[in-house]
Amino acid sequence: MKLLDFALGDLAASYTEPHWLSSHAIICPTNAAVDEVGHHIMMTFPAKKLNRVTRVETAVVLVVVVVVVVVVVVVVVVVVVVVVIVVAVVVVAVVVVVVVVFNHYCDKIPFIKTKR
């Protein structure tokens, strides 16, 4: 692994710099070789410097995302239901107004005969 030491230089000091990190890649003929080289590189870091995400942290993030999505969906459904109710109330109000106005003026329109 002296080749990696030569190619990567002072990895522990440079890995936090985005430009340095983006200019390095692992190129191997197989994915298994990439995994082996990547594992070796990861083992060169001091354990406390790595910020590895555990499975528990990943599960917590996933639960939070699911809860947020459910809350957003519930809010959208409630808003849609409220809008439908408001539209229905407005339509009923318009129909009532039309019927009241029609009944009030129907005697004044000569071609409309109503029974009273």
Protein backbone atom coordinates (compact mmCIF):
# COMPACT_ATOMS: atom_id res chain seq x y z
CA MET A 1 0.00 0.00 0.00
CA LYS A 2 2.98 2.28 -0.41
CA LEU A 3 1.49 3.27 -3.74
CA LEU A 4 -1.57 4.68 -1.91
CA ASP A 5 0.67 6.59 0.47
CA PHE A 6 2.50 8.05 -2.53
CA ALA A 7 -0.71 8.85 -4.46
CA LEU A 8 -2.67 10.31 -1.58
CA GLY A 9 0.10 11.96 0.40
CA ASP A 10 -0.94 13.21 3.83
CA LEU A 11 -4.50 11.92 3.63
CA ALA A 12 -5.37 12.58 7.28
CA ALA A 13 -4.53 16.27 6.90
CA SER A 14 -6.03 16.81 3.43
CA TYR A 15 -9.32 14.88 3.37
CA THR A 16 -11.35 17.80 4.76
CA GLU A 17 -10.50 20.08 1.84
CA PRO A 18 -13.20 19.78 -0.86
CA HIS A 19 -10.88 20.65 -3.75
CA TRP A 20 -8.31 18.04 -2.71
CA LEU A 21 -10.98 15.43 -2.13
CA SER A 22 -12.67 16.01 -5.49
CA SER A 23 -9.39 15.65 -7.35
CA HIS A 24 -8.76 12.08 -6.13
CA ALA A 25 -10.49 8.89 -7.19
CA ILE A 26 -10.01 5.15 -6.81
CA ILE A 27 -9.71 3.50 -10.21
CA CYS A 28 -9.43 -0.29 -10.21
CA PRO A 29 -10.36 -3.03 -12.67
CA THR A 30 -13.07 -4.49 -10.39
CA ASN A 31 -15.46 -3.23 -7.72
CA ALA A 32 -13.96 -5.72 -5.28
CA ALA A 33 -10.55 -4.06 -5.73
CA VAL A 34 -12.11 -0.63 -5.19
CA ASP A 35 -13.70 -1.90 -1.98
CA GLU A 36 -10.37 -3.29 -0.78
CA VAL A 37 -8.51 -0.06 -1.52
CA GLY A 38 -11.30 2.04 0.01
CA HIS A 39 -11.24 -0.12 3.14
CA HIS A 40 -7.48 0.34 3.44
CA ILE A 41 -7.85 4.11 3.05
CA MET A 42 -10.58 4.24 5.70
CA MET A 43 -8.36 2.32 8.12
CA THR A 44 -5.64 5.00 7.84
CA PHE A 45 -7.87 7.62 9.53
CA PRO A 46 -7.83 7.96 13.28
CA ALA A 47 -11.16 6.57 14.55
CA LYS A 48 -12.20 9.72 16.40
CA LYS A 49 -11.70 11.93 13.32
CA LEU A 50 -14.23 10.00 11.26
CA ASN A 51 -17.81 11.08 11.47
CA ARG A 52 -19.49 7.84 10.55
CA VAL A 53 -23.25 7.68 10.52
CA THR A 54 -24.48 4.68 12.48
CA ARG A 55 -27.47 2.56 11.58
CA VAL A 56 -29.38 4.04 14.53
CA GLU A 57 -28.73 7.59 13.28
CA THR A 58 -29.83 6.56 9.79
CA ALA A 59 -33.01 5.01 11.21
CA VAL A 60 -33.75 8.16 13.23
CA VAL A 61 -33.31 10.35 10.15
CA LEU A 62 -35.56 8.02 8.15
CA VAL A 63 -38.27 8.13 10.84
CA VAL A 64 -38.08 11.93 10.96
CA VAL A 65 -38.40 12.15 7.17
CA VAL A 66 -41.39 9.80 7.18
CA VAL A 67 -43.08 11.79 9.96
CA VAL A 68 -42.52 15.06 8.08
CA VAL A 69 -43.94 13.57 4.87
CA VAL A 70 -47.01 12.25 6.73
CA VAL A 71 -47.59 15.64 8.37
CA VAL A 72 -47.31 17.42 5.02
CA VAL A 73 -49.76 14.99 3.41
CA VAL A 74 -52.24 15.42 6.28
CA VAL A 75 -51.99 19.22 6.05
CA VAL A 76 -52.55 19.12 2.28
CA VAL A 77 -55.59 16.84 2.70
CA VAL A 78 -57.06 19.13 5.38
CA VAL A 79 -56.53 22.18 3.19
CA VAL A 80 -58.20 20.47 0.23
CA VAL A 81 -61.17 19.42 2.39
CA VAL A 82 -61.54 22.97 3.75
CA VAL A 83 -61.42 24.41 0.23
CA VAL A 84 -64.06 21.95 -0.97
CA ILE A 85 -66.31 22.85 1.96
CA VAL A 86 -65.88 26.59 1.34
CA VAL A 87 -66.67 26.17 -2.36
CA ALA A 88 -69.77 24.10 -1.51
CA VAL A 89 -70.99 26.76 0.95
CA VAL A 90 -70.44 29.51 -1.64
CA VAL A 91 -72.34 27.53 -4.30
CA VAL A 92 -75.26 26.92 -1.93
CA ALA A 93 -75.30 30.61 -0.97
CA VAL A 94 -75.37 31.66 -4.64
CA VAL A 95 -78.20 29.23 -5.38
CA VAL A 96 -80.20 30.56 -2.41
CA VAL A 97 -79.68 34.15 -3.53
CA VAL A 98 -80.73 33.29 -7.09
CA VAL A 99 -83.87 31.52 -5.88
CA VAL A 100 -84.80 34.39 -3.54
CA VAL A 101 -84.24 37.02 -6.24
CA PHE A 102 -86.14 34.94 -8.81
CA ASN A 103 -89.10 34.49 -6.46
CA HIS A 104 -89.12 38.18 -5.66
CA TYR A 105 -89.11 39.34 -9.26
CA CYS A 106 -91.07 36.57 -10.96
CA ASP A 107 -94.36 38.46 -10.61
CA LYS A 108 -92.88 41.38 -12.48
CA ILE A 109 -91.83 39.31 -15.49
CA PRO A 110 -94.89 38.92 -17.74
CA PHE A 111 -94.00 35.58 -19.38
CA ILE A 112 -93.34 33.76 -16.06
CA LYS A 113 -96.45 32.56 -14.27
CA THR A 114 -96.09 31.14 -10.80
CA LYS A 115 -98.64 29.50 -8.58
CA ARG A 116 -99.26 31.31 -5.33
